[in-house]
Amino acid sequence: MARFAAQTPHYVLSNTMTSAAWPKTRFVRNFEDIAALKQKPGKDIYLMGGARITASLIDAGLVDELRLIVYPLLAGEGKALFGTAKNRRGLELRKVEQLSDGRVRLVYGIG
């Protein structure tokens, strides 16, 4: 997996960073850069980010699919994943998969 990750391009959304230790890192500065990246041929783009950036990208129409893993744990506090989303969007359930330890993977298309 480490070899695959080292060969995979990484895009970092930042207005301040200019260098990164990870190989094949490129910086995107705004959502227009992400929209342009989506138009290029290639594989899927996976977002590794927090609730606010996820909701912002969904609101900007830049997310096609959500892949969520639900853990069987009640924490009692925390941030709402879509608490900062501005627009209501329908989700289309595409896949449900039961994982180990009671976890469930849900895949939704965003309409």
PDB file of N, CA and C in Angstrom:
ATOM      1  N   MET A   1       0.822  -1.202   0.000  1.00  0.00           N
ATOM      2  CA  MET A   1       0.000   0.000   0.000  1.00  0.00           C
ATOM      3  C   MET A   1       0.868   1.269   0.000  1.00  0.00           C
ATOM      4  N   ALA A   2       1.976   1.239   0.726  1.00  0.00           N
ATOM      5  CA  ALA A   2       2.851   2.412   0.784  1.00  0.00           C
ATOM      6  C   ALA A   2       3.428   2.731  -0.595  1.00  0.00           C
ATOM      7  N   ARG A   3       3.759   1.713  -1.359  1.00  0.00           N
ATOM      8  CA  ARG A   3       4.288   1.922  -2.707  1.00  0.00           C
ATOM      9  C   ARG A   3       3.237   2.573  -3.596  1.00  0.00           C
ATOM     10  N   PHE A   4       1.990   2.085  -3.498  1.00  0.00           N
ATOM     11  CA  PHE A   4       0.888   2.665  -4.275  1.00  0.00           C
ATOM     12  C   PHE A   4       0.689   4.128  -3.888  1.00  0.00           C
ATOM     13  N   ALA A   5       0.679   4.413  -2.584  1.00  0.00           N
ATOM     14  CA  ALA A   5       0.469   5.785  -2.116  1.00  0.00           C
ATOM     15  C   ALA A   5       1.582   6.712  -2.585  1.00  0.00           C
ATOM     16  N   ALA A   6       2.801   6.208  -2.641  1.00  0.00           N
ATOM     17  CA  ALA A   6       3.928   7.032  -3.086  1.00  0.00           C
ATOM     18  C   ALA A   6       3.835   7.369  -4.569  1.00  0.00           C
ATOM     19  N   GLN A   7       3.147   6.537  -5.347  1.00  0.00           N
ATOM     20  CA  GLN A   7       3.015   6.763  -6.787  1.00  0.00           C
ATOM     21  C   GLN A   7       1.749   7.537  -7.146  1.00  0.00           C
ATOM     22  N   THR A   8       0.869   7.733  -6.186  1.00  0.00           N
ATOM     23  CA  THR A   8      -0.416   8.377  -6.419  1.00  0.00           C
ATOM     24  C   THR A   8      -0.303   9.889  -6.234  1.00  0.00           C
ATOM     25  N   PRO A   9      -0.825  10.684  -7.162  1.00  0.00           N
ATOM     26  CA  PRO A   9      -0.807  12.138  -6.975  1.00  0.00           C
ATOM     27  C   PRO A   9      -1.644  12.542  -5.764  1.00  0.00           C
ATOM     28  N   HIS A  10      -1.161  13.523  -5.030  1.00  0.00           N
ATOM     29  CA  HIS A  10      -1.870  14.070  -3.881  1.00  0.00           C
ATOM     30  C   HIS A  10      -2.113  15.552  -4.158  1.00  0.00           C
ATOM     31  N   TYR A  11      -3.332  16.002  -3.928  1.00  0.00           N
ATOM     32  CA  TYR A  11      -3.692  17.394  -4.128  1.00  0.00           C
ATOM     33  C   TYR A  11      -4.066  17.973  -2.777  1.00  0.00           C
ATOM     34  N   VAL A  12      -3.448  19.078  -2.428  1.00  0.00           N
ATOM     35  CA  VAL A  12      -3.671  19.713  -1.134  1.00  0.00           C
ATOM     36  C   VAL A  12      -4.342  21.052  -1.380  1.00  0.00           C
ATOM     37  N   LEU A  13      -5.514  21.252  -0.771  1.00  0.00           N
ATOM     38  CA  LEU A  13      -6.232  22.523  -0.880  1.00  0.00           C
ATOM     39  C   LEU A  13      -5.702  23.449   0.215  1.00  0.00           C
ATOM     40  N   SER A  14      -4.937  24.457  -0.194  1.00  0.00           N
ATOM     41  CA  SER A  14      -4.328  25.373   0.775  1.00  0.00           C
ATOM     42  C   SER A  14      -4.011  26.693   0.086  1.00  0.00           C
ATOM     43  N   ASN A  15      -4.202  27.775   0.823  1.00  0.00           N
ATOM     44  CA  ASN A  15      -3.822  29.098   0.328  1.00  0.00           C
ATOM     45  C   ASN A  15      -2.430  29.500   0.793  1.00  0.00           C
ATOM     46  N   THR A  16      -1.854  28.732   1.722  1.00  0.00           N
ATOM     47  CA  THR A  16      -0.583  29.145   2.306  1.00  0.00           C
ATOM     48  C   THR A  16       0.567  28.177   2.050  1.00  0.00           C
ATOM     49  N   MET A  17       0.307  26.891   1.973  1.00  0.00           N
ATOM     50  CA  MET A  17       1.394  25.924   1.799  1.00  0.00           C
ATOM     51  C   MET A  17       1.991  26.013   0.395  1.00  0.00           C
ATOM     52  N   THR A  18       3.304  25.836   0.317  1.00  0.00           N
ATOM     53  CA  THR A  18       3.983  25.865  -0.976  1.00  0.00           C
ATOM     54  C   THR A  18       4.876  24.652  -1.190  1.00  0.00           C
ATOM     55  N   SER A  19       5.090  23.861  -0.134  1.00  0.00           N
ATOM     56  CA  SER A  19       5.914  22.665  -0.286  1.00  0.00           C
ATOM     57  C   SER A  19       5.384  21.565   0.626  1.00  0.00           C
ATOM     58  N   ALA A  20       5.705  20.324   0.244  1.00  0.00           N
ATOM     59  CA  ALA A  20       5.271  19.165   1.021  1.00  0.00           C
ATOM     60  C   ALA A  20       6.329  18.083   0.905  1.00  0.00           C
ATOM     61  N   ALA A  21       6.471  17.280   1.942  1.00  0.00           N
ATOM     62  CA  ALA A  21       7.456  16.203   1.948  1.00  0.00           C
ATOM     63  C   ALA A  21       6.973  14.991   1.150  1.00  0.00           C
ATOM     64  N   TRP A  22       5.651  14.850   0.993  1.00  0.00           N
ATOM     65  CA  TRP A  22       5.096  13.701   0.286  1.00  0.00           C
ATOM     66  C   TRP A  22       5.355  13.835  -1.210  1.00  0.00           C
ATOM     67  N   PRO A  23       5.836  12.771  -1.861  1.00  0.00           N
ATOM     68  CA  PRO A  23       6.077  12.873  -3.311  1.00  0.00           C
ATOM     69  C   PRO A  23       4.772  13.054  -4.090  1.00  0.00           C
ATOM     70  N   LYS A  24       4.875  13.650  -5.255  1.00  0.00           N
ATOM     71  CA  LYS A  24       3.741  13.867  -6.166  1.00  0.00           C
ATOM     72  C   LYS A  24       2.624  14.708  -5.540  1.00  0.00           C
ATOM     73  N   THR A  25       2.992  15.678  -4.715  1.00  0.00           N
ATOM     74  CA  THR A  25       2.013  16.582  -4.113  1.00  0.00           C
ATOM     75  C   THR A  25       1.887  17.826  -4.967  1.00  0.00           C
ATOM     76  N   ARG A  26       0.640  18.196  -5.253  1.00  0.00           N
ATOM     77  CA  ARG A  26       0.352  19.435  -5.975  1.00  0.00           C
ATOM     78  C   ARG A  26      -0.634  20.230  -5.124  1.00  0.00           C
ATOM     79  N   PHE A  27      -0.553  21.534  -5.225  1.00  0.00           N
ATOM     80  CA  PHE A  27      -1.420  22.389  -4.431  1.00  0.00           C
ATOM     81  C   PHE A  27      -2.515  22.982  -5.302  1.00  0.00           C
ATOM     82  N   VAL A  28      -3.737  22.960  -4.791  1.00  0.00           N
ATOM     83  CA  VAL A  28      -4.868  23.631  -5.427  1.00  0.00           C
ATOM     84  C   VAL A  28      -5.284  24.753  -4.487  1.00  0.00           C
ATOM     85  N   ARG A  29      -5.654  25.869  -5.055  1.00  0.00           N
ATOM     86  CA  ARG A  29      -5.905  27.062  -4.243  1.00  0.00           C
ATOM     87  C   ARG A  29      -7.378  27.386  -4.043  1.00  0.00           C
ATOM     88  N   ASN A  30      -8.250  26.859  -4.901  1.00  0.00           N
ATOM     89  CA  ASN A  30      -9.666  27.216  -4.781  1.00  0.00           C
ATOM     90  C   ASN A  30     -10.520  26.121  -5.422  1.00  0.00           C
ATOM     91  N   PHE A  31     -11.810  26.272  -5.313  1.00  0.00           N
ATOM     92  CA  PHE A  31     -12.728  25.264  -5.844  1.00  0.00           C
ATOM     93  C   PHE A  31     -12.696  25.207  -7.364  1.00  0.00           C
ATOM     94  N   GLU A  32     -12.358  26.317  -8.011  1.00  0.00           N
ATOM     95  CA  GLU A  32     -12.235  26.304  -9.473  1.00  0.00           C
ATOM     96  C   GLU A  32     -11.108  25.364  -9.904  1.00  0.00           C
ATOM     97  N   ASP A  33     -10.026  25.328  -9.136  1.00  0.00           N
ATOM     98  CA  ASP A  33      -8.937  24.389  -9.416  1.00  0.00           C
ATOM     99  C   ASP A  33      -9.411  22.939  -9.288  1.00  0.00           C
ATOM    100  N   ILE A  34     -10.244  22.686  -8.311  1.00  0.00           N
ATOM    101  CA  ILE A  34     -10.773  21.335  -8.122  1.00  0.00           C
ATOM    102  C   ILE A  34     -11.718  20.971  -9.264  1.00  0.00           C
ATOM    103  N   ALA A  35     -12.564  21.915  -9.675  1.00  0.00           N
ATOM    104  CA  ALA A  35     -13.469  21.669 -10.800  1.00  0.00           C
ATOM    105  C   ALA A  35     -12.665  21.357 -12.062  1.00  0.00           C
ATOM    106  N   ALA A  36     -11.574  22.071 -12.290  1.00  0.00           N
ATOM    107  CA  ALA A  36     -10.729  21.809 -13.459  1.00  0.00           C
ATOM    108  C   ALA A  36     -10.064  20.443 -13.349  1.00  0.00           C
ATOM    109  N   LEU A  37      -9.661  20.069 -12.166  1.00  0.00           N
ATOM    110  CA  LEU A  37      -9.050  18.762 -11.942  1.00  0.00           C
ATOM    111  C   LEU A  37     -10.037  17.639 -12.249  1.00  0.00           C
ATOM    112  N   LYS A  38     -11.292  17.829 -11.882  1.00  0.00           N
ATOM    113  CA  LYS A  38     -12.321  16.820 -12.153  1.00  0.00           C
ATOM    114  C   LYS A  38     -12.547  16.616 -13.652  1.00  0.00           C
ATOM    115  N   GLN A  39     -12.260  17.615 -14.463  1.00  0.00           N
ATOM    116  CA  GLN A  39     -12.476  17.518 -15.906  1.00  0.00           C
ATOM    117  C   GLN A  39     -11.370  16.744 -16.621  1.00  0.00           C
ATOM    118  N   LYS A  40     -10.250  16.551 -15.943  1.00  0.00           N
ATOM    119  CA  LYS A  40      -9.128  15.830 -16.555  1.00  0.00           C
ATOM    120  C   LYS A  40      -9.411  14.331 -16.564  1.00  0.00           C
ATOM    121  N   PRO A  41      -8.887  13.625 -17.556  1.00  0.00           N
ATOM    122  CA  PRO A  41      -9.072  12.164 -17.561  1.00  0.00           C
ATOM    123  C   PRO A  41      -8.280  11.531 -16.433  1.00  0.00           C
ATOM    124  N   GLY A  42      -8.763  10.397 -15.976  1.00  0.00           N
ATOM    125  CA  GLY A  42      -8.051   9.687 -14.920  1.00  0.00           C
ATOM    126  C   GLY A  42      -9.010   8.989 -13.981  1.00  0.00           C
ATOM    127  N   LYS A  43      -8.510   8.641 -12.845  1.00  0.00           N
ATOM    128  CA  LYS A  43      -9.274   7.891 -11.846  1.00  0.00           C
ATOM    129  C   LYS A  43     -10.074   8.835 -10.954  1.00  0.00           C
ATOM    130  N   ASP A  44     -10.758   8.242  -9.976  1.00  0.00           N
ATOM    131  CA  ASP A  44     -11.539   9.001  -9.014  1.00  0.00           C
ATOM    132  C   ASP A  44     -10.630   9.852  -8.125  1.00  0.00           C
ATOM    133  N   ILE A  45     -11.218  10.906  -7.591  1.00  0.00           N
ATOM    134  CA  ILE A  45     -10.539  11.762  -6.625  1.00  0.00           C
ATOM    135  C   ILE A  45     -11.171  11.479  -5.268  1.00  0.00           C
ATOM    136  N   TYR A  46     -10.352  11.164  -4.284  1.00  0.00           N
ATOM    137  CA  TYR A  46     -10.847  10.887  -2.935  1.00  0.00           C
ATOM    138  C   TYR A  46     -10.500  12.056  -2.035  1.00  0.00           C
ATOM    139  N   LEU A  47     -11.474  12.507  -1.256  1.00  0.00           N
ATOM    140  CA  LEU A  47     -11.277  13.609  -0.325  1.00  0.00           C
ATOM    141  C   LEU A  47     -10.973  13.053   1.059  1.00  0.00           C
ATOM    142  N   MET A  48      -9.893  13.514   1.620  1.00  0.00           N
ATOM    143  CA  MET A  48      -9.571  13.226   3.013  1.00  0.00           C
ATOM    144  C   MET A  48      -9.617  14.566   3.713  1.00  0.00           C
ATOM    145  N   GLY A  49     -10.715  14.847   4.367  1.00  0.00           N
ATOM    146  CA  GLY A  49     -10.853  16.157   4.981  1.00  0.00           C
ATOM    147  C   GLY A  49     -11.896  16.130   6.066  1.00  0.00           C
ATOM    148  N   GLY A  50     -12.083  17.272   6.669  1.00  0.00           N
ATOM    149  CA  GLY A  50     -13.026  17.404   7.760  1.00  0.00           C
ATOM    150  C   GLY A  50     -14.417  17.753   7.287  1.00  0.00           C
ATOM    151  N   ALA A  51     -15.297  17.947   8.264  1.00  0.00           N
ATOM    152  CA  ALA A  51     -16.708  18.187   7.989  1.00  0.00           C
ATOM    153  C   ALA A  51     -16.930  19.470   7.197  1.00  0.00           C
ATOM    154  N   ARG A  52     -16.211  20.531   7.524  1.00  0.00           N
ATOM    155  CA  ARG A  52     -16.454  21.820   6.872  1.00  0.00           C
ATOM    156  C   ARG A  52     -16.061  21.798   5.401  1.00  0.00           C
ATOM    157  N   ILE A  53     -14.890  21.255   5.076  1.00  0.00           N
ATOM    158  CA  ILE A  53     -14.477  21.219   3.667  1.00  0.00           C
ATOM    159  C   ILE A  53     -15.356  20.263   2.878  1.00  0.00           C
ATOM    160  N   THR A  54     -15.764  19.159   3.497  1.00  0.00           N
ATOM    161  CA  THR A  54     -16.653  18.212   2.818  1.00  0.00           C
ATOM    162  C   THR A  54     -17.976  18.887   2.464  1.00  0.00           C
ATOM    163  N   ALA A  55     -18.587  19.562   3.436  1.00  0.00           N
ATOM    164  CA  ALA A  55     -19.857  20.244   3.186  1.00  0.00           C
ATOM    165  C   ALA A  55     -19.696  21.341   2.144  1.00  0.00           C
ATOM    166  N   SER A  56     -18.589  22.070   2.179  1.00  0.00           N
ATOM    167  CA  SER A  56     -18.356  23.138   1.200  1.00  0.00           C
ATOM    168  C   SER A  56     -18.221  22.582  -0.213  1.00  0.00           C
ATOM    169  N   LEU A  57     -17.515  21.462  -0.360  1.00  0.00           N
ATOM    170  CA  LEU A  57     -17.368  20.855  -1.680  1.00  0.00           C
ATOM    171  C   LEU A  57     -18.692  20.288  -2.190  1.00  0.00           C
ATOM    172  N   ILE A  58     -19.496  19.752  -1.292  1.00  0.00           N
ATOM    173  CA  ILE A  58     -20.828  19.267  -1.683  1.00  0.00           C
ATOM    174  C   ILE A  58     -21.671  20.449  -2.158  1.00  0.00           C
ATOM    175  N   ASP A  59     -21.666  21.541  -1.394  1.00  0.00           N
ATOM    176  CA  ASP A  59     -22.435  22.731  -1.777  1.00  0.00           C
ATOM    177  C   ASP A  59     -21.985  23.283  -3.123  1.00  0.00           C
ATOM    178  N   ALA A  60     -20.698  23.159  -3.427  1.00  0.00           N
ATOM    179  CA  ALA A  60     -20.162  23.659  -4.702  1.00  0.00           C
ATOM    180  C   ALA A  60     -20.426  22.699  -5.854  1.00  0.00           C
ATOM    181  N   GLY A  61     -21.069  21.557  -5.565  1.00  0.00           N
ATOM    182  CA  GLY A  61     -21.383  20.594  -6.616  1.00  0.00           C
ATOM    183  C   GLY A  61     -20.176  19.798  -7.091  1.00  0.00           C
ATOM    184  N   LEU A  62     -19.156  19.674  -6.247  1.00  0.00           N
ATOM    185  CA  LEU A  62     -17.923  19.006  -6.647  1.00  0.00           C
ATOM    186  C   LEU A  62     -17.787  17.583  -6.102  1.00  0.00           C
ATOM    187  N   VAL A  63     -18.798  17.105  -5.401  1.00  0.00           N
ATOM    188  CA  VAL A  63     -18.765  15.742  -4.860  1.00  0.00           C
ATOM    189  C   VAL A  63     -19.846  14.927  -5.554  1.00  0.00           C
ATOM    190  N   ASP A  64     -19.441  13.802  -6.130  1.00  0.00           N
ATOM    191  CA  ASP A  64     -20.377  12.928  -6.835  1.00  0.00           C
ATOM    192  C   ASP A  64     -20.875  11.785  -5.965  1.00  0.00           C
ATOM    193  N   GLU A  65     -20.059  11.386  -5.000  1.00  0.00           N
ATOM    194  CA  GLU A  65     -20.379  10.188  -4.225  1.00  0.00           C
ATOM    195  C   GLU A  65     -19.821  10.330  -2.813  1.00  0.00           C
ATOM    196  N   LEU A  66     -20.612   9.873  -1.830  1.00  0.00           N
ATOM    197  CA  LEU A  66     -20.164   9.821  -0.443  1.00  0.00           C
ATOM    198  C   LEU A  66     -19.985   8.366  -0.046  1.00  0.00           C
ATOM    199  N   ARG A  67     -18.871   8.070   0.580  1.00  0.00           N
ATOM    200  CA  ARG A  67     -18.622   6.738   1.119  1.00  0.00           C
ATOM    201  C   ARG A  67     -18.431   6.898   2.619  1.00  0.00           C
ATOM    202  N   LEU A  68     -19.386   6.420   3.362  1.00  0.00           N
ATOM    203  CA  LEU A  68     -19.380   6.579   4.811  1.00  0.00           C
ATOM    204  C   LEU A  68     -19.246   5.229   5.491  1.00  0.00           C
ATOM    205  N   ILE A  69     -18.516   5.187   6.585  1.00  0.00           N
ATOM    206  CA  ILE A  69     -18.465   3.998   7.419  1.00  0.00           C
ATOM    207  C   ILE A  69     -19.082   4.377   8.758  1.00  0.00           C
ATOM    208  N   VAL A  70     -20.108   3.638   9.155  1.00  0.00           N
ATOM    209  CA  VAL A  70     -20.815   3.887  10.406  1.00  0.00           C
ATOM    210  C   VAL A  70     -20.285   2.908  11.447  1.00  0.00           C
ATOM    211  N   TYR A  71     -19.827   3.453  12.567  1.00  0.00           N
ATOM    212  CA  TYR A  71     -19.307   2.645  13.666  1.00  0.00           C
ATOM    213  C   TYR A  71     -20.396   2.480  14.719  1.00  0.00           C
ATOM    214  N   PRO A  72     -20.527   1.296  15.299  1.00  0.00           N
ATOM    215  CA  PRO A  72     -21.560   1.069  16.316  1.00  0.00           C
ATOM    216  C   PRO A  72     -21.114   1.633  17.669  1.00  0.00           C
ATOM    217  N   LEU A  73     -21.097   2.964  17.770  1.00  0.00           N
ATOM    218  CA  LEU A  73     -20.620   3.633  18.968  1.00  0.00           C
ATOM    219  C   LEU A  73     -21.385   4.931  19.140  1.00  0.00           C
ATOM    220  N   LEU A  74     -21.897   5.168  20.332  1.00  0.00           N
ATOM    221  CA  LEU A  74     -22.542   6.443  20.636  1.00  0.00           C
ATOM    222  C   LEU A  74     -21.558   7.276  21.437  1.00  0.00           C
ATOM    223  N   ALA A  75     -21.065   8.353  20.846  1.00  0.00           N
ATOM    224  CA  ALA A  75     -20.054   9.173  21.498  1.00  0.00           C
ATOM    225  C   ALA A  75     -20.672  10.280  22.343  1.00  0.00           C
ATOM    226  N   GLY A  76     -21.883  10.709  21.995  1.00  0.00           N
ATOM    227  CA  GLY A  76     -22.558  11.715  22.796  1.00  0.00           C
ATOM    228  C   GLY A  76     -22.273  13.151  22.394  1.00  0.00           C
ATOM    229  N   GLU A  77     -21.127  13.423  21.812  1.00  0.00           N
ATOM    230  CA  GLU A  77     -20.792  14.781  21.387  1.00  0.00           C
ATOM    231  C   GLU A  77     -20.021  14.709  20.083  1.00  0.00           C
ATOM    232  N   GLY A  78     -19.772  15.866  19.505  1.00  0.00           N
ATOM    233  CA  GLY A  78     -18.989  15.920  18.278  1.00  0.00           C
ATOM    234  C   GLY A  78     -19.622  16.851  17.275  1.00  0.00           C
ATOM    235  N   LYS A  79     -18.961  16.981  16.138  1.00  0.00           N
ATOM    236  CA  LYS A  79     -19.442  17.850  15.069  1.00  0.00           C
ATOM    237  C   LYS A  79     -20.369  17.066  14.152  1.00  0.00           C
ATOM    238  N   ALA A  80     -21.397  17.753  13.684  1.00  0.00           N
ATOM    239  CA  ALA A  80     -22.275  17.172  12.676  1.00  0.00           C
ATOM    240  C   ALA A  80     -21.537  17.208  11.342  1.00  0.00           C
ATOM    241  N   LEU A  81     -21.514  16.089  10.626  1.00  0.00           N
ATOM    242  CA  LEU A  81     -20.781  16.016   9.369  1.00  0.00           C
ATOM    243  C   LEU A  81     -21.279  17.052   8.359  1.00  0.00           C
ATOM    244  N   PHE A  82     -22.561  17.281   8.312  1.00  0.00           N
ATOM    245  CA  PHE A  82     -23.115  18.198   7.321  1.00  0.00           C
ATOM    246  C   PHE A  82     -23.702  19.447   7.983  1.00  0.00           C
ATOM    247  N   GLY A  83     -23.242  19.778   9.152  1.00  0.00           N
ATOM    248  CA  GLY A  83     -23.766  20.919   9.899  1.00  0.00           C
ATOM    249  C   GLY A  83     -23.571  22.252   9.210  1.00  0.00           C
ATOM    250  N   THR A  84     -22.540  22.373   8.395  1.00  0.00           N
ATOM    251  CA  THR A  84     -22.287  23.651   7.717  1.00  0.00           C
ATOM    252  C   THR A  84     -22.794  23.664   6.278  1.00  0.00           C
ATOM    253  N   ALA A  85     -23.421  22.585   5.828  1.00  0.00           N
ATOM    254  CA  ALA A  85     -23.948  22.544   4.458  1.00  0.00           C
ATOM    255  C   ALA A  85     -25.049  23.593   4.307  1.00  0.00           C
ATOM    256  N   LYS A  86     -25.017  24.318   3.198  1.00  0.00           N
ATOM    257  CA  LYS A  86     -25.988  25.385   2.959  1.00  0.00           C
ATOM    258  C   LYS A  86     -27.207  24.914   2.192  1.00  0.00           C
ATOM    259  N   ASN A  87     -27.033  23.921   1.346  1.00  0.00           N
ATOM    260  CA  ASN A  87     -28.111  23.483   0.473  1.00  0.00           C
ATOM    261  C   ASN A  87     -28.551  22.067   0.812  1.00  0.00           C
ATOM    262  N   ARG A  88     -29.817  21.831   0.696  1.00  0.00           N
ATOM    263  CA  ARG A  88     -30.356  20.489   0.875  1.00  0.00           C
ATOM    264  C   ARG A  88     -30.126  19.699  -0.409  1.00  0.00           C
ATOM    265  N   ARG A  89     -29.644  18.470  -0.284  1.00  0.00           N
ATOM    266  CA  ARG A  89     -29.381  17.617  -1.448  1.00  0.00           C
ATOM    267  C   ARG A  89     -29.905  16.227  -1.164  1.00  0.00           C
ATOM    268  N   GLY A  90     -30.460  15.621  -2.201  1.00  0.00           N
ATOM    269  CA  GLY A  90     -30.900  14.242  -2.083  1.00  0.00           C
ATOM    270  C   GLY A  90     -29.732  13.291  -2.237  1.00  0.00           C
ATOM    271  N   LEU A  91     -29.789  12.172  -1.561  1.00  0.00           N
ATOM    272  CA  LEU A  91     -28.764  11.131  -1.667  1.00  0.00           C
ATOM    273  C   LEU A  91     -29.413   9.873  -2.214  1.00  0.00           C
ATOM    274  N   GLU A  92     -28.691   9.186  -3.089  1.00  0.00           N
ATOM    275  CA  GLU A  92     -29.174   7.936  -3.666  1.00  0.00           C
ATOM    276  C   GLU A  92     -28.316   6.801  -3.117  1.00  0.00           C
ATOM    277  N   LEU A  93     -28.927   5.884  -2.366  1.00  0.00           N
ATOM    278  CA  LEU A  93     -28.182   4.757  -1.811  1.00  0.00           C
ATOM    279  C   LEU A  93     -27.754   3.829  -2.930  1.00  0.00           C
ATOM    280  N   ARG A  94     -26.434   3.618  -3.052  1.00  0.00           N
ATOM    281  CA  ARG A  94     -25.892   2.774  -4.111  1.00  0.00           C
ATOM    282  C   ARG A  94     -25.399   1.429  -3.598  1.00  0.00           C
ATOM    283  N   LYS A  95     -24.933   1.412  -2.352  1.00  0.00           N
ATOM    284  CA  LYS A  95     -24.359   0.165  -1.849  1.00  0.00           C
ATOM    285  C   LYS A  95     -24.366   0.162  -0.324  1.00  0.00           C
ATOM    286  N   VAL A  96     -24.626  -1.001   0.252  1.00  0.00           N
ATOM    287  CA  VAL A  96     -24.536  -1.224   1.695  1.00  0.00           C
ATOM    288  C   VAL A  96     -23.694  -2.470   1.891  1.00  0.00           C
ATOM    289  N   GLU A  97     -22.730  -2.371   2.787  1.00  0.00           N
ATOM    290  CA  GLU A  97     -21.860  -3.515   3.041  1.00  0.00           C
ATOM    291  C   GLU A  97     -21.603  -3.626   4.535  1.00  0.00           C
ATOM    292  N   GLN A  98     -21.899  -4.799   5.096  1.00  0.00           N
ATOM    293  CA  GLN A  98     -21.611  -5.029   6.510  1.00  0.00           C
ATOM    294  C   GLN A  98     -20.141  -5.403   6.651  1.00  0.00           C
ATOM    295  N   LEU A  99     -19.442  -4.702   7.548  1.00  0.00           N
ATOM    296  CA  LEU A  99     -18.030  -4.935   7.789  1.00  0.00           C
ATOM    297  C   LEU A  99     -17.858  -5.627   9.138  1.00  0.00           C
ATOM    298  N   SER A 100     -16.627  -5.884   9.524  1.00  0.00           N
ATOM    299  CA  SER A 100     -16.373  -6.537  10.810  1.00  0.00           C
ATOM    300  C   SER A 100     -16.731  -5.619  11.978  1.00  0.00           C
ATOM    301  N   ASP A 101     -16.911  -6.187  13.117  1.00  0.00           N
ATOM    302  CA  ASP A 101     -17.182  -5.449  14.364  1.00  0.00           C
ATOM    303  C   ASP A 101     -18.445  -4.603  14.316  1.00  0.00           C
ATOM    304  N   GLY A 102     -19.411  -4.969  13.462  1.00  0.00           N
ATOM    305  CA  GLY A 102     -20.674  -4.259  13.400  1.00  0.00           C
ATOM    306  C   GLY A 102     -20.655  -2.989  12.581  1.00  0.00           C
ATOM    307  N   ARG A 103     -19.537  -2.671  11.968  1.00  0.00           N
ATOM    308  CA  ARG A 103     -19.473  -1.475  11.128  1.00  0.00           C
ATOM    309  C   ARG A 103     -20.245  -1.705   9.829  1.00  0.00           C
ATOM    310  N   VAL A 104     -20.728  -0.606   9.245  1.00  0.00           N
ATOM    311  CA  VAL A 104     -21.463  -0.667   7.982  1.00  0.00           C
ATOM    312  C   VAL A 104     -20.891   0.393   7.046  1.00  0.00           C
ATOM    313  N   ARG A 105     -20.617  -0.003   5.808  1.00  0.00           N
ATOM    314  CA  ARG A 105     -20.155   0.930   4.781  1.00  0.00           C
ATOM    315  C   ARG A 105     -21.354   1.290   3.915  1.00  0.00           C
ATOM    316  N   LEU A 106     -21.579   2.583   3.744  1.00  0.00           N
ATOM    317  CA  LEU A 106     -22.677   3.099   2.935  1.00  0.00           C
ATOM    318  C   LEU A 106     -22.094   3.928   1.796  1.00  0.00           C
ATOM    319  N   VAL A 107     -22.573   3.695   0.606  1.00  0.00           N
ATOM    320  CA  VAL A 107     -22.152   4.477  -0.553  1.00  0.00           C
ATOM    321  C   VAL A 107     -23.392   5.171  -1.115  1.00  0.00           C
ATOM    322  N   TYR A 108     -23.317   6.511  -1.186  1.00  0.00           N
ATOM    323  CA  TYR A 108     -24.430   7.314  -1.695  1.00  0.00           C
ATOM    324  C   TYR A 108     -23.970   8.130  -2.880  1.00  0.00           C
ATOM    325  N   GLY A 109     -24.829   8.230  -3.889  1.00  0.00           N
ATOM    326  CA  GLY A 109     -24.650   9.185  -4.959  1.00  0.00           C
ATOM    327  C   GLY A 109     -25.321  10.482  -4.522  1.00  0.00           C
ATOM    328  N   ILE A 110     -24.769  11.595  -4.939  1.00  0.00           N
ATOM    329  CA  ILE A 110     -25.331  12.890  -4.558  1.00  0.00           C
ATOM    330  C   ILE A 110     -26.118  13.438  -5.742  1.00  0.00           C
ATOM    331  N   GLY A 111     -27.390  13.723  -5.516  1.00  0.00           N
ATOM    332  CA  GLY A 111     -28.258  14.227  -6.564  1.00  0.00           C
ATOM    333  C   GLY A 111     -28.543  15.676  -6.459  1.00  0.00           C
TER     334      GLY A 111
END
